[in-house]
Amino acid sequence: MVPTLANGKICYLEIPALDIAKSSAFYHGVFGWRIRQRGDGATAFDDTAGEVSGAWVLDRPPASEPGLLVYIMVDSVTAAIDLVVANGGRITQPAGADAPEITARFRDPAGNIFGLYQEPGSPAS
């Protein structure tokens, strides 16, 4: 897949990690992100849509309080919550707190907080 190239598009994320192998396994297990080694040896990822890539970094503290909050789109927030917990994450805001939006928030193994978002009217609704 070739990502969309457009002025203003968010294209790359650096996610703080304490253990890159653990963090990459978490995001692969929960969201199916493709994990790869860059030419410089860094562990990187591509999202399932092939639109956003990034890498884990060890030189920054985790984003443990929601300031800038990134939401990851999922088919089912309920199923994603189960995967977050099964892969070593923790739910910090349960589904339903932002009703009528279908969201939840979680803490990844490093302590970063992200949101889950399910499109209203999707088959999993």
N, C-alpha and C. Protein backbone atom coordinates (compact mmCIF):
# COMPACT_ATOMS: atom_id res chain seq x y z
N MET A 1 0.83 -1.19 0.00
CA MET A 1 0.00 0.00 0.00
C MET A 1 0.87 1.25 0.00
N VAL A 2 0.45 2.21 -0.75
CA VAL A 2 1.11 3.51 -0.76
C VAL A 2 0.21 4.48 -0.01
N PRO A 3 0.71 5.13 1.05
CA PRO A 3 -0.15 6.04 1.81
C PRO A 3 -0.52 7.27 0.99
N THR A 4 -1.64 7.87 1.37
CA THR A 4 -2.07 9.12 0.77
C THR A 4 -1.08 10.21 1.14
N LEU A 5 -0.64 10.95 0.15
CA LEU A 5 0.27 12.07 0.39
C LEU A 5 -0.55 13.35 0.27
N ALA A 6 -0.67 14.08 1.37
CA ALA A 6 -1.48 15.30 1.35
C ALA A 6 -0.97 16.27 2.39
N ASN A 7 -0.94 17.52 2.04
CA ASN A 7 -0.54 18.57 2.96
C ASN A 7 -1.44 18.55 4.19
N GLY A 8 -0.86 18.54 5.38
CA GLY A 8 -1.62 18.57 6.61
C GLY A 8 -2.01 17.21 7.18
N LYS A 9 -1.74 16.14 6.46
CA LYS A 9 -2.10 14.79 6.91
C LYS A 9 -1.17 14.35 8.05
N ILE A 10 -1.71 13.77 9.11
CA ILE A 10 -0.88 13.15 10.14
C ILE A 10 -0.36 11.84 9.57
N CYS A 11 0.96 11.67 9.63
CA CYS A 11 1.54 10.52 8.94
C CYS A 11 2.47 9.67 9.79
N TYR A 12 2.98 10.19 10.91
CA TYR A 12 4.02 9.48 11.65
C TYR A 12 3.87 9.76 13.15
N LEU A 13 4.01 8.71 13.94
CA LEU A 13 3.93 8.84 15.39
C LEU A 13 5.17 8.25 16.04
N GLU A 14 5.67 8.89 17.06
CA GLU A 14 6.71 8.31 17.90
C GLU A 14 6.06 8.02 19.25
N ILE A 15 6.05 6.74 19.62
CA ILE A 15 5.37 6.31 20.83
C ILE A 15 6.41 5.94 21.88
N PRO A 16 6.41 6.62 23.03
CA PRO A 16 7.35 6.26 24.08
C PRO A 16 7.15 4.81 24.53
N ALA A 17 8.26 4.14 24.80
CA ALA A 17 8.21 2.75 25.25
C ALA A 17 9.24 2.54 26.36
N LEU A 18 8.96 1.57 27.20
CA LEU A 18 9.94 1.13 28.20
C LEU A 18 10.66 -0.11 27.70
N ASP A 19 9.94 -0.90 26.89
CA ASP A 19 10.45 -2.14 26.31
C ASP A 19 9.85 -2.22 24.90
N ILE A 20 10.66 -1.97 23.89
CA ILE A 20 10.15 -1.88 22.52
C ILE A 20 9.53 -3.20 22.06
N ALA A 21 10.13 -4.32 22.41
CA ALA A 21 9.57 -5.62 22.01
C ALA A 21 8.17 -5.81 22.62
N LYS A 22 8.01 -5.45 23.87
CA LYS A 22 6.71 -5.59 24.54
C LYS A 22 5.67 -4.65 23.93
N SER A 23 6.07 -3.41 23.67
CA SER A 23 5.13 -2.45 23.07
C SER A 23 4.74 -2.85 21.65
N SER A 24 5.71 -3.27 20.85
CA SER A 24 5.38 -3.66 19.47
C SER A 24 4.48 -4.89 19.46
N ALA A 25 4.71 -5.84 20.36
CA ALA A 25 3.85 -7.03 20.44
C ALA A 25 2.43 -6.62 20.85
N PHE A 26 2.31 -5.66 21.76
CA PHE A 26 0.99 -5.19 22.19
C PHE A 26 0.20 -4.61 21.02
N TYR A 27 0.80 -3.67 20.29
CA TYR A 27 0.07 -3.01 19.20
C TYR A 27 -0.20 -3.95 18.03
N HIS A 28 0.68 -4.89 17.82
CA HIS A 28 0.40 -5.91 16.79
C HIS A 28 -0.75 -6.80 17.24
N GLY A 29 -0.72 -7.24 18.50
CA GLY A 29 -1.75 -8.13 19.02
C GLY A 29 -3.12 -7.50 19.13
N VAL A 30 -3.17 -6.23 19.49
CA VAL A 30 -4.46 -5.55 19.68
C VAL A 30 -5.01 -5.03 18.36
N PHE A 31 -4.17 -4.37 17.56
CA PHE A 31 -4.66 -3.68 16.37
C PHE A 31 -4.21 -4.28 15.04
N GLY A 32 -3.30 -5.25 15.08
CA GLY A 32 -2.82 -5.85 13.84
C GLY A 32 -1.84 -4.99 13.09
N TRP A 33 -1.20 -4.02 13.77
CA TRP A 33 -0.21 -3.18 13.09
C TRP A 33 0.94 -4.04 12.58
N ARG A 34 1.42 -3.71 11.40
CA ARG A 34 2.55 -4.42 10.81
C ARG A 34 3.82 -3.90 11.45
N ILE A 35 4.60 -4.79 12.01
CA ILE A 35 5.85 -4.42 12.69
C ILE A 35 7.01 -4.72 11.73
N ARG A 36 7.95 -3.79 11.66
CA ARG A 36 9.09 -3.97 10.75
C ARG A 36 10.33 -3.32 11.34
N GLN A 37 11.49 -3.74 10.84
CA GLN A 37 12.75 -3.13 11.24
C GLN A 37 13.14 -2.13 10.16
N ARG A 38 13.40 -0.90 10.56
CA ARG A 38 13.87 0.11 9.61
C ARG A 38 15.33 -0.14 9.29
N GLY A 39 15.82 0.54 8.27
CA GLY A 39 17.22 0.41 7.86
C GLY A 39 18.20 0.79 8.95
N ASP A 40 17.78 1.68 9.86
CA ASP A 40 18.66 2.08 10.97
C ASP A 40 18.55 1.14 12.16
N GLY A 41 17.75 0.08 12.03
CA GLY A 41 17.60 -0.91 13.09
C GLY A 41 16.46 -0.66 14.04
N ALA A 42 15.81 0.50 13.95
CA ALA A 42 14.69 0.81 14.83
C ALA A 42 13.48 -0.05 14.50
N THR A 43 12.71 -0.39 15.52
CA THR A 43 11.46 -1.12 15.32
C THR A 43 10.38 -0.11 14.98
N ALA A 44 9.73 -0.32 13.85
CA ALA A 44 8.72 0.62 13.36
C ALA A 44 7.40 -0.12 13.12
N PHE A 45 6.37 0.65 12.83
CA PHE A 45 5.06 0.06 12.54
C PHE A 45 4.38 0.80 11.40
N ASP A 46 3.42 0.11 10.79
CA ASP A 46 2.49 0.70 9.84
C ASP A 46 1.10 0.28 10.31
N ASP A 47 0.16 1.23 10.31
CA ASP A 47 -1.19 0.88 10.73
C ASP A 47 -1.85 -0.01 9.69
N THR A 48 -3.02 -0.55 10.01
CA THR A 48 -3.67 -1.51 9.12
C THR A 48 -4.17 -0.89 7.83
N ALA A 49 -4.34 0.44 7.80
CA ALA A 49 -4.78 1.11 6.59
C ALA A 49 -3.59 1.53 5.71
N GLY A 50 -2.37 1.37 6.24
CA GLY A 50 -1.19 1.80 5.49
C GLY A 50 -1.07 3.30 5.37
N GLU A 51 -1.71 4.03 6.27
CA GLU A 51 -1.73 5.49 6.20
C GLU A 51 -0.86 6.16 7.24
N VAL A 52 -0.63 5.51 8.38
CA VAL A 52 0.17 6.09 9.46
C VAL A 52 1.27 5.10 9.82
N SER A 53 2.47 5.61 9.96
CA SER A 53 3.58 4.78 10.41
C SER A 53 4.22 5.45 11.60
N GLY A 54 5.20 4.78 12.17
CA GLY A 54 5.87 5.36 13.31
C GLY A 54 6.86 4.39 13.90
N ALA A 55 7.34 4.75 15.08
CA ALA A 55 8.31 3.91 15.77
C ALA A 55 8.17 4.14 17.27
N TRP A 56 8.72 3.21 18.03
CA TRP A 56 8.75 3.35 19.48
C TRP A 56 10.09 3.97 19.86
N VAL A 57 10.07 4.84 20.86
CA VAL A 57 11.29 5.52 21.31
C VAL A 57 11.48 5.30 22.81
N LEU A 58 12.73 5.16 23.20
CA LEU A 58 13.05 4.91 24.60
C LEU A 58 13.46 6.16 25.36
N ASP A 59 13.70 7.25 24.66
CA ASP A 59 14.26 8.44 25.29
C ASP A 59 13.22 9.46 25.75
N ARG A 60 11.97 9.06 25.89
CA ARG A 60 10.91 9.95 26.33
C ARG A 60 10.03 9.27 27.36
N PRO A 61 9.50 10.04 28.30
CA PRO A 61 8.58 9.41 29.26
C PRO A 61 7.24 9.11 28.57
N PRO A 62 6.56 8.06 29.02
CA PRO A 62 5.24 7.76 28.47
C PRO A 62 4.27 8.93 28.70
N ALA A 63 3.30 9.05 27.82
CA ALA A 63 2.24 10.06 27.94
C ALA A 63 1.16 9.47 28.85
N SER A 64 1.38 9.56 30.16
CA SER A 64 0.52 8.87 31.13
C SER A 64 -0.72 9.66 31.53
N GLU A 65 -0.82 10.90 31.10
CA GLU A 65 -2.01 11.71 31.31
C GLU A 65 -2.51 12.18 29.96
N PRO A 66 -3.82 12.12 29.72
CA PRO A 66 -4.33 12.55 28.42
C PRO A 66 -4.25 14.06 28.25
N GLY A 67 -3.24 14.52 27.51
CA GLY A 67 -3.15 15.90 27.07
C GLY A 67 -3.60 15.84 25.62
N LEU A 68 -2.64 15.67 24.73
CA LEU A 68 -2.97 15.32 23.35
C LEU A 68 -3.40 13.87 23.40
N LEU A 69 -4.59 13.57 22.93
CA LEU A 69 -5.12 12.20 23.02
C LEU A 69 -5.41 11.69 21.62
N VAL A 70 -4.74 10.62 21.25
CA VAL A 70 -4.91 9.99 19.94
C VAL A 70 -5.89 8.83 20.09
N TYR A 71 -6.88 8.78 19.20
CA TYR A 71 -7.85 7.69 19.19
C TYR A 71 -7.53 6.77 18.02
N ILE A 72 -7.63 5.48 18.26
CA ILE A 72 -7.40 4.47 17.25
C ILE A 72 -8.74 3.87 16.87
N MET A 73 -9.06 3.90 15.57
CA MET A 73 -10.33 3.37 15.09
C MET A 73 -10.33 1.86 15.14
N VAL A 74 -11.42 1.29 15.63
CA VAL A 74 -11.58 -0.16 15.73
C VAL A 74 -12.96 -0.54 15.20
N ASP A 75 -13.10 -1.80 14.81
CA ASP A 75 -14.40 -2.30 14.37
C ASP A 75 -15.38 -2.40 15.53
N SER A 76 -14.85 -2.77 16.71
CA SER A 76 -15.68 -2.95 17.89
C SER A 76 -14.89 -2.51 19.12
N VAL A 77 -15.38 -1.51 19.83
CA VAL A 77 -14.73 -1.08 21.06
C VAL A 77 -14.74 -2.22 22.08
N THR A 78 -15.84 -2.95 22.17
CA THR A 78 -15.94 -4.05 23.12
C THR A 78 -14.87 -5.11 22.86
N ALA A 79 -14.72 -5.51 21.60
CA ALA A 79 -13.70 -6.50 21.26
C ALA A 79 -12.30 -5.95 21.49
N ALA A 80 -12.08 -4.67 21.18
CA ALA A 80 -10.77 -4.06 21.37
C ALA A 80 -10.41 -3.99 22.85
N ILE A 81 -11.38 -3.70 23.71
CA ILE A 81 -11.14 -3.68 25.15
C ILE A 81 -10.63 -5.06 25.60
N ASP A 82 -11.28 -6.10 25.13
CA ASP A 82 -10.85 -7.46 25.49
C ASP A 82 -9.42 -7.72 25.04
N LEU A 83 -9.07 -7.26 23.83
CA LEU A 83 -7.71 -7.46 23.31
C LEU A 83 -6.69 -6.63 24.09
N VAL A 84 -7.05 -5.40 24.45
CA VAL A 84 -6.15 -4.56 25.24
C VAL A 84 -5.78 -5.28 26.54
N VAL A 85 -6.78 -5.76 27.25
CA VAL A 85 -6.54 -6.43 28.53
C VAL A 85 -5.75 -7.73 28.32
N ALA A 86 -6.13 -8.51 27.32
CA ALA A 86 -5.45 -9.79 27.06
C ALA A 86 -3.98 -9.60 26.67
N ASN A 87 -3.65 -8.42 26.13
CA ASN A 87 -2.28 -8.16 25.68
C ASN A 87 -1.47 -7.30 26.65
N GLY A 88 -1.97 -7.13 27.86
CA GLY A 88 -1.18 -6.45 28.89
C GLY A 88 -1.48 -4.98 29.10
N GLY A 89 -2.54 -4.46 28.47
CA GLY A 89 -2.94 -3.08 28.70
C GLY A 89 -3.99 -3.00 29.79
N ARG A 90 -4.40 -1.77 30.10
CA ARG A 90 -5.40 -1.55 31.14
C ARG A 90 -6.39 -0.50 30.66
N ILE A 91 -7.66 -0.73 30.90
CA ILE A 91 -8.70 0.23 30.52
C ILE A 91 -8.74 1.35 31.56
N THR A 92 -8.67 2.60 31.10
CA THR A 92 -8.70 3.74 32.00
C THR A 92 -10.03 4.50 31.93
N GLN A 93 -10.78 4.31 30.85
CA GLN A 93 -12.13 4.88 30.73
C GLN A 93 -12.97 3.86 29.98
N PRO A 94 -13.98 3.33 30.62
CA PRO A 94 -14.78 2.29 29.97
C PRO A 94 -15.62 2.84 28.83
N ALA A 95 -16.09 1.92 28.01
CA ALA A 95 -17.00 2.28 26.92
C ALA A 95 -18.25 2.92 27.53
N GLY A 96 -18.79 3.90 26.82
CA GLY A 96 -20.02 4.55 27.26
C GLY A 96 -19.82 5.89 27.94
N ALA A 97 -18.61 6.20 28.36
CA ALA A 97 -18.37 7.45 29.08
C ALA A 97 -18.53 8.68 28.19
N ASP A 98 -18.36 8.52 26.88
CA ASP A 98 -18.49 9.65 25.95
C ASP A 98 -19.75 9.54 25.09
N ALA A 99 -20.74 8.79 25.56
CA ALA A 99 -21.97 8.58 24.78
C ALA A 99 -22.53 9.92 24.32
N PRO A 100 -23.03 10.00 23.10
CA PRO A 100 -23.35 8.88 22.22
C PRO A 100 -22.17 8.34 21.40
N GLU A 101 -20.99 8.96 21.51
CA GLU A 101 -19.83 8.42 20.80
C GLU A 101 -19.46 7.07 21.42
N ILE A 102 -18.92 6.18 20.59
CA ILE A 102 -18.53 4.85 21.06
C ILE A 102 -17.02 4.86 21.23
N THR A 103 -16.58 5.09 22.47
CA THR A 103 -15.17 5.24 22.76
C THR A 103 -14.81 4.51 24.06
N ALA A 104 -13.54 4.38 24.28
CA ALA A 104 -12.96 3.94 25.55
C ALA A 104 -11.53 4.45 25.54
N ARG A 105 -10.86 4.38 26.68
CA ARG A 105 -9.45 4.77 26.75
C ARG A 105 -8.68 3.65 27.43
N PHE A 106 -7.41 3.52 27.04
CA PHE A 106 -6.58 2.47 27.63
C PHE A 106 -5.17 2.99 27.87
N ARG A 107 -4.48 2.26 28.74
CA ARG A 107 -3.07 2.50 29.01
C ARG A 107 -2.30 1.32 28.44
N ASP A 108 -1.31 1.59 27.58
CA ASP A 108 -0.52 0.52 26.98
C ASP A 108 0.52 0.02 28.00
N PRO A 109 1.30 -1.02 27.66
CA PRO A 109 2.25 -1.56 28.63
C PRO A 109 3.30 -0.55 29.13
N ALA A 110 3.58 0.49 28.37
CA ALA A 110 4.54 1.51 28.82
C ALA A 110 3.89 2.60 29.67
N GLY A 111 2.56 2.67 29.64
CA GLY A 111 1.85 3.68 30.41
C GLY A 111 1.21 4.78 29.59
N ASN A 112 1.39 4.76 28.27
CA ASN A 112 0.76 5.77 27.39
C ASN A 112 -0.74 5.58 27.37
N ILE A 113 -1.48 6.68 27.34
CA ILE A 113 -2.93 6.61 27.22
C ILE A 113 -3.33 6.94 25.79
N PHE A 114 -4.16 6.06 25.23
CA PHE A 114 -4.75 6.23 23.91
C PHE A 114 -6.24 5.98 24.02
N GLY A 115 -6.99 6.44 23.01
CA GLY A 115 -8.41 6.17 22.95
C GLY A 115 -8.74 5.14 21.90
N LEU A 116 -9.87 4.50 22.08
CA LEU A 116 -10.46 3.60 21.08
C LEU A 116 -11.71 4.29 20.55
N TYR A 117 -11.93 4.19 19.26
CA TYR A 117 -13.10 4.83 18.64
C TYR A 117 -13.75 3.86 17.68
N GLN A 118 -15.07 3.69 17.82
CA GLN A 118 -15.86 2.87 16.90
C GLN A 118 -16.84 3.77 16.17
N GLU A 119 -16.82 3.71 14.86
CA GLU A 119 -17.73 4.51 14.04
C GLU A 119 -19.18 4.13 14.34
N PRO A 120 -20.05 5.10 14.67
CA PRO A 120 -21.45 4.79 14.90
C PRO A 120 -22.08 4.16 13.66
N GLY A 121 -22.91 3.18 13.88
CA GLY A 121 -23.58 2.52 12.77
C GLY A 121 -22.74 1.44 12.12
N SER A 122 -21.53 1.20 12.61
CA SER A 122 -20.71 0.14 12.04
C SER A 122 -21.34 -1.20 12.40
N PRO A 123 -21.03 -2.26 11.67
CA PRO A 123 -21.65 -3.56 11.92
C PRO A 123 -21.49 -4.04 13.37
N ALA A 124 -20.45 -3.62 14.06
CA ALA A 124 -20.23 -4.07 15.44
C ALA A 124 -21.07 -3.29 16.44
N SER A 125 -21.76 -2.21 15.97
CA SER A 125 -22.56 -1.38 16.90
C SER A 125 -23.75 -2.13 17.42
